[in-house]
Amino acid sequence: MKVNPIEMQKCLGGVEYPASKDEIVNEAGRHGAGKDIMDALKKLPAKEYPSPAEVSKEIGKEA
C-alpha cells in the first residue's frame, strides 16, 4: 500500500505530540483521512509517537 506522505501529514495536522496510536488514528479520522491512510495508521504498533516524522518512518517500514 502506497500512502502519500504529504496527504498523511495534512490529516495529522491537529495531533499534539507525543501521541498514542489511538490519538493519531482518531485525529486522522476527524480530518477526513482516506481509506489508504486510515488502513496504514491502524497497522501502526501501539506506542507513543514523539513526532509526525516518527509516524511516517513507521508507515514506511510497513510498505
PDB file of N, CA and C in Angstrom:
ATOM      1  N   MET A   1       0.850  -1.178   0.000  1.00  0.00           N
ATOM      2  CA  MET A   1       0.000   0.000   0.000  1.00  0.00           C
ATOM      3  C   MET A   1       0.894   1.239   0.000  1.00  0.00           C
ATOM      4  N   LYS A   2       0.600   2.137  -0.903  1.00  0.00           N
ATOM      5  CA  LYS A   2       1.399   3.355  -1.008  1.00  0.00           C
ATOM      6  C   LYS A   2       0.587   4.522  -0.440  1.00  0.00           C
ATOM      7  N   VAL A   3       1.137   5.147   0.580  1.00  0.00           N
ATOM      8  CA  VAL A   3       0.474   6.285   1.217  1.00  0.00           C
ATOM      9  C   VAL A   3       1.242   7.548   0.858  1.00  0.00           C
ATOM     10  N   ASN A   4       0.524   8.557   0.393  1.00  0.00           N
ATOM     11  CA  ASN A   4       1.143   9.839   0.080  1.00  0.00           C
ATOM     12  C   ASN A   4       1.508  10.522   1.395  1.00  0.00           C
ATOM     13  N   PRO A   5       2.811  10.725   1.647  1.00  0.00           N
ATOM     14  CA  PRO A   5       3.222  11.295   2.936  1.00  0.00           C
ATOM     15  C   PRO A   5       2.703  12.717   3.173  1.00  0.00           C
ATOM     16  N   ILE A   6       2.533  13.487   2.113  1.00  0.00           N
ATOM     17  CA  ILE A   6       2.017  14.853   2.268  1.00  0.00           C
ATOM     18  C   ILE A   6       0.556  14.815   2.700  1.00  0.00           C
ATOM     19  N   GLU A   7      -0.226  13.960   2.046  1.00  0.00           N
ATOM     20  CA  GLU A   7      -1.635  13.834   2.420  1.00  0.00           C
ATOM     21  C   GLU A   7      -1.773  13.321   3.858  1.00  0.00           C
ATOM     22  N   MET A   8      -0.918  12.377   4.222  1.00  0.00           N
ATOM     23  CA  MET A   8      -0.981  11.838   5.571  1.00  0.00           C
ATOM     24  C   MET A   8      -0.690  12.934   6.595  1.00  0.00           C
ATOM     25  N   GLN A   9       0.335  13.731   6.361  1.00  0.00           N
ATOM     26  CA  GLN A   9       0.684  14.790   7.311  1.00  0.00           C
ATOM     27  C   GLN A   9      -0.424  15.834   7.412  1.00  0.00           C
ATOM     28  N   LYS A  10      -1.128  16.100   6.309  1.00  0.00           N
ATOM     29  CA  LYS A  10      -2.278  17.018   6.358  1.00  0.00           C
ATOM     30  C   LYS A  10      -3.347  16.468   7.298  1.00  0.00           C
ATOM     31  N   CYS A  11      -3.556  15.165   7.232  1.00  0.00           N
ATOM     32  CA  CYS A  11      -4.573  14.531   8.077  1.00  0.00           C
ATOM     33  C   CYS A  11      -4.166  14.488   9.545  1.00  0.00           C
ATOM     34  N   LEU A  12      -2.881  14.647   9.814  1.00  0.00           N
ATOM     35  CA  LEU A  12      -2.387  14.603  11.195  1.00  0.00           C
ATOM     36  C   LEU A  12      -2.092  15.998  11.733  1.00  0.00           C
ATOM     37  N   GLY A  13      -2.575  17.011  11.048  1.00  0.00           N
ATOM     38  CA  GLY A  13      -2.273  18.398  11.403  1.00  0.00           C
ATOM     39  C   GLY A  13      -2.666  18.805  12.810  1.00  0.00           C
ATOM     40  N   GLY A  14      -3.689  18.199  13.387  1.00  0.00           N
ATOM     41  CA  GLY A  14      -4.143  18.599  14.709  1.00  0.00           C
ATOM     42  C   GLY A  14      -3.597  17.762  15.852  1.00  0.00           C
ATOM     43  N   VAL A  15      -2.743  16.815  15.538  1.00  0.00           N
ATOM     44  CA  VAL A  15      -2.215  15.915  16.567  1.00  0.00           C
ATOM     45  C   VAL A  15      -1.187  16.645  17.421  1.00  0.00           C
ATOM     46  N   GLU A  16      -1.326  16.508  18.733  1.00  0.00           N
ATOM     47  CA  GLU A  16      -0.334  17.070  19.659  1.00  0.00           C
ATOM     48  C   GLU A  16       0.582  15.940  20.092  1.00  0.00           C
ATOM     49  N   TYR A  17       1.854  16.096  19.785  1.00  0.00           N
ATOM     50  CA  TYR A  17       2.851  15.057  20.102  1.00  0.00           C
ATOM     51  C   TYR A  17       3.519  15.327  21.428  1.00  0.00           C
ATOM     52  N   PRO A  18       3.932  14.277  22.148  1.00  0.00           N
ATOM     53  CA  PRO A  18       3.803  12.872  21.787  1.00  0.00           C
ATOM     54  C   PRO A  18       2.336  12.434  21.785  1.00  0.00           C
ATOM     55  N   ALA A  19       2.039  11.452  20.907  1.00  0.00           N
ATOM     56  CA  ALA A  19       0.667  10.980  20.753  1.00  0.00           C
ATOM     57  C   ALA A  19       0.649   9.465  20.648  1.00  0.00           C
ATOM     58  N   SER A  20      -0.410   8.879  21.158  1.00  0.00           N
ATOM     59  CA  SER A  20      -0.568   7.424  21.062  1.00  0.00           C
ATOM     60  C   SER A  20      -1.119   7.071  19.683  1.00  0.00           C
ATOM     61  N   LYS A  21      -1.009   5.817  19.345  1.00  0.00           N
ATOM     62  CA  LYS A  21      -1.579   5.329  18.087  1.00  0.00           C
ATOM     63  C   LYS A  21      -3.058   5.698  18.007  1.00  0.00           C
ATOM     64  N   ASP A  22      -3.811   5.474  19.075  1.00  0.00           N
ATOM     65  CA  ASP A  22      -5.251   5.765  19.067  1.00  0.00           C
ATOM     66  C   ASP A  22      -5.524   7.243  18.816  1.00  0.00           C
ATOM     67  N   GLU A  23      -4.749   8.119  19.442  1.00  0.00           N
ATOM     68  CA  GLU A  23      -4.931   9.558  19.226  1.00  0.00           C
ATOM     69  C   GLU A  23      -4.660   9.920  17.768  1.00  0.00           C
ATOM     70  N   ILE A  24      -3.633   9.324  17.203  1.00  0.00           N
ATOM     71  CA  ILE A  24      -3.270   9.602  15.812  1.00  0.00           C
ATOM     72  C   ILE A  24      -4.380   9.128  14.872  1.00  0.00           C
ATOM     73  N   VAL A  25      -4.860   7.911  15.080  1.00  0.00           N
ATOM     74  CA  VAL A  25      -5.930   7.359  14.231  1.00  0.00           C
ATOM     75  C   VAL A  25      -7.197   8.209  14.355  1.00  0.00           C
ATOM     76  N   ASN A  26      -7.566   8.567  15.582  1.00  0.00           N
ATOM     77  CA  ASN A  26      -8.777   9.370  15.794  1.00  0.00           C
ATOM     78  C   ASN A  26      -8.670  10.737  15.131  1.00  0.00           C
ATOM     79  N   GLU A  27      -7.536  11.382  15.256  1.00  0.00           N
ATOM     80  CA  GLU A  27      -7.357  12.712  14.666  1.00  0.00           C
ATOM     81  C   GLU A  27      -7.391  12.637  13.140  1.00  0.00           C
ATOM     82  N   ALA A  28      -6.771  11.624  12.584  1.00  0.00           N
ATOM     83  CA  ALA A  28      -6.794  11.455  11.125  1.00  0.00           C
ATOM     84  C   ALA A  28      -8.228  11.266  10.637  1.00  0.00           C
ATOM     85  N   GLY A  29      -9.010  10.503  11.372  1.00  0.00           N
ATOM     86  CA  GLY A  29     -10.410  10.306  11.012  1.00  0.00           C
ATOM     87  C   GLY A  29     -11.201  11.604  11.043  1.00  0.00           C
ATOM     88  N   ARG A  30     -10.941  12.430  12.045  1.00  0.00           N
ATOM     89  CA  ARG A  30     -11.624  13.730  12.143  1.00  0.00           C
ATOM     90  C   ARG A  30     -11.238  14.652  10.992  1.00  0.00           C
ATOM     91  N   HIS A  31     -10.030  14.468  10.460  1.00  0.00           N
ATOM     92  CA  HIS A  31      -9.570  15.306   9.350  1.00  0.00           C
ATOM     93  C   HIS A  31      -9.903  14.706   7.985  1.00  0.00           C
ATOM     94  N   GLY A  32     -10.719  13.671   7.972  1.00  0.00           N
ATOM     95  CA  GLY A  32     -11.185  13.101   6.711  1.00  0.00           C
ATOM     96  C   GLY A  32     -10.151  12.291   5.952  1.00  0.00           C
ATOM     97  N   ALA A  33      -9.278  11.602   6.672  1.00  0.00           N
ATOM     98  CA  ALA A  33      -8.268  10.769   6.014  1.00  0.00           C
ATOM     99  C   ALA A  33      -8.933   9.699   5.160  1.00  0.00           C
ATOM    100  N   GLY A  34      -8.336   9.439   4.011  1.00  0.00           N
ATOM    101  CA  GLY A  34      -8.845   8.415   3.103  1.00  0.00           C
ATOM    102  C   GLY A  34      -8.596   7.018   3.634  1.00  0.00           C
ATOM    103  N   LYS A  35      -9.168   6.048   2.941  1.00  0.00           N
ATOM    104  CA  LYS A  35      -9.074   4.651   3.368  1.00  0.00           C
ATOM    105  C   LYS A  35      -7.623   4.179   3.453  1.00  0.00           C
ATOM    106  N   ASP A  36      -6.792   4.496   2.467  1.00  0.00           N
ATOM    107  CA  ASP A  36      -5.396   4.036   2.486  1.00  0.00           C
ATOM    108  C   ASP A  36      -4.653   4.565   3.703  1.00  0.00           C
ATOM    109  N   ILE A  37      -4.862   5.838   4.017  1.00  0.00           N
ATOM    110  CA  ILE A  37      -4.185   6.442   5.166  1.00  0.00           C
ATOM    111  C   ILE A  37      -4.697   5.820   6.460  1.00  0.00           C
ATOM    112  N   MET A  38      -6.000   5.689   6.580  1.00  0.00           N
ATOM    113  CA  MET A  38      -6.565   5.094   7.798  1.00  0.00           C
ATOM    114  C   MET A  38      -6.082   3.653   7.976  1.00  0.00           C
ATOM    115  N   ASP A  39      -6.049   2.883   6.897  1.00  0.00           N
ATOM    116  CA  ASP A  39      -5.579   1.497   6.989  1.00  0.00           C
ATOM    117  C   ASP A  39      -4.127   1.449   7.457  1.00  0.00           C
ATOM    118  N   ALA A  40      -3.297   2.327   6.898  1.00  0.00           N
ATOM    119  CA  ALA A  40      -1.874   2.360   7.279  1.00  0.00           C
ATOM    120  C   ALA A  40      -1.715   2.742   8.744  1.00  0.00           C
ATOM    121  N   LEU A  41      -2.464   3.745   9.197  1.00  0.00           N
ATOM    122  CA  LEU A  41      -2.359   4.195  10.586  1.00  0.00           C
ATOM    123  C   LEU A  41      -2.840   3.116  11.552  1.00  0.00           C
ATOM    124  N   LYS A  42      -3.871   2.390  11.170  1.00  0.00           N
ATOM    125  CA  LYS A  42      -4.396   1.340  12.041  1.00  0.00           C
ATOM    126  C   LYS A  42      -3.410   0.182  12.196  1.00  0.00           C
ATOM    127  N   LYS A  43      -2.474   0.042  11.260  1.00  0.00           N
ATOM    128  CA  LYS A  43      -1.467  -1.023  11.333  1.00  0.00           C
ATOM    129  C   LYS A  43      -0.249  -0.613  12.161  1.00  0.00           C
ATOM    130  N   LEU A  44      -0.183   0.632  12.593  1.00  0.00           N
ATOM    131  CA  LEU A  44       0.952   1.086  13.395  1.00  0.00           C
ATOM    132  C   LEU A  44       1.044   0.298  14.696  1.00  0.00           C
ATOM    133  N   PRO A  45       2.252   0.065  15.185  1.00  0.00           N
ATOM    134  CA  PRO A  45       2.389  -0.541  16.511  1.00  0.00           C
ATOM    135  C   PRO A  45       1.796   0.385  17.575  1.00  0.00           C
ATOM    136  N   ALA A  46       1.188  -0.205  18.586  1.00  0.00           N
ATOM    137  CA  ALA A  46       0.579   0.563  19.673  1.00  0.00           C
ATOM    138  C   ALA A  46       1.681   1.092  20.587  1.00  0.00           C
ATOM    139  N   LYS A  47       2.036   2.354  20.413  1.00  0.00           N
ATOM    140  CA  LYS A  47       3.047   3.003  21.250  1.00  0.00           C
ATOM    141  C   LYS A  47       2.875   4.507  21.137  1.00  0.00           C
ATOM    142  N   GLU A  48       3.678   5.234  21.895  1.00  0.00           N
ATOM    143  CA  GLU A  48       3.678   6.693  21.803  1.00  0.00           C
ATOM    144  C   GLU A  48       4.605   7.125  20.663  1.00  0.00           C
ATOM    145  N   TYR A  49       4.157   8.072  19.866  1.00  0.00           N
ATOM    146  CA  TYR A  49       4.956   8.613  18.771  1.00  0.00           C
ATOM    147  C   TYR A  49       5.351  10.039  19.126  1.00  0.00           C
ATOM    148  N   PRO A  50       6.663  10.329  19.128  1.00  0.00           N
ATOM    149  CA  PRO A  50       7.130  11.648  19.557  1.00  0.00           C
ATOM    150  C   PRO A  50       6.951  12.747  18.522  1.00  0.00           C
ATOM    151  N   SER A  51       6.747  12.382  17.250  1.00  0.00           N
ATOM    152  CA  SER A  51       6.672  13.397  16.194  1.00  0.00           C
ATOM    153  C   SER A  51       5.994  12.824  14.952  1.00  0.00           C
ATOM    154  N   PRO A  52       5.553  13.716  14.040  1.00  0.00           N
ATOM    155  CA  PRO A  52       4.983  13.234  12.776  1.00  0.00           C
ATOM    156  C   PRO A  52       6.013  12.452  11.955  1.00  0.00           C
ATOM    157  N   ALA A  53       7.278  12.827  12.067  1.00  0.00           N
ATOM    158  CA  ALA A  53       8.326  12.119  11.328  1.00  0.00           C
ATOM    159  C   ALA A  53       8.400  10.661  11.761  1.00  0.00           C
ATOM    160  N   GLU A  54       8.216  10.412  13.040  1.00  0.00           N
ATOM    161  CA  GLU A  54       8.254   9.035  13.553  1.00  0.00           C
ATOM    162  C   GLU A  54       7.073   8.223  13.009  1.00  0.00           C
ATOM    163  N   VAL A  55       5.920   8.862  12.872  1.00  0.00           N
ATOM    164  CA  VAL A  55       4.751   8.179  12.291  1.00  0.00           C
ATOM    165  C   VAL A  55       5.062   7.809  10.837  1.00  0.00           C
ATOM    166  N   SER A  56       5.603   8.749  10.078  1.00  0.00           N
ATOM    167  CA  SER A  56       5.944   8.497   8.676  1.00  0.00           C
ATOM    168  C   SER A  56       6.978   7.389   8.550  1.00  0.00           C
ATOM    169  N   LYS A  57       7.961   7.418   9.432  1.00  0.00           N
ATOM    170  CA  LYS A  57       9.020   6.396   9.421  1.00  0.00           C
ATOM    171  C   LYS A  57       8.413   5.008   9.647  1.00  0.00           C
ATOM    172  N   GLU A  58       7.514   4.909  10.601  1.00  0.00           N
ATOM    173  CA  GLU A  58       6.888   3.625  10.944  1.00  0.00           C
ATOM    174  C   GLU A  58       6.024   3.139   9.779  1.00  0.00           C
ATOM    175  N   ILE A  59       5.296   4.034   9.133  1.00  0.00           N
ATOM    176  CA  ILE A  59       4.471   3.651   7.996  1.00  0.00           C
ATOM    177  C   ILE A  59       5.351   3.207   6.828  1.00  0.00           C
ATOM    178  N   GLY A  60       6.498   3.838   6.671  1.00  0.00           N
ATOM    179  CA  GLY A  60       7.430   3.442   5.625  1.00  0.00           C
ATOM    180  C   GLY A  60       7.929   2.023   5.804  1.00  0.00           C
ATOM    181  N   LYS A  61       8.060   1.587   7.040  1.00  0.00           N
ATOM    182  CA  LYS A  61       8.501   0.221   7.327  1.00  0.00           C
ATOM    183  C   LYS A  61       7.452  -0.792   6.884  1.00  0.00           C
ATOM    184  N   GLU A  62       6.180  -0.410   7.000  1.00  0.00           N
ATOM    185  CA  GLU A  62       5.074  -1.323   6.688  1.00  0.00           C
ATOM    186  C   GLU A  62       4.895  -1.492   5.183  1.00  0.00           C
ATOM    187  N   ALA A  63       5.283  -0.489   4.417  1.00  0.00           N
ATOM    188  CA  ALA A  63       5.026  -0.510   2.959  1.00  0.00           C
ATOM    189  C   ALA A  63       5.855  -1.543   2.241  1.00  0.00           C
TER     190      ALA A  63
END
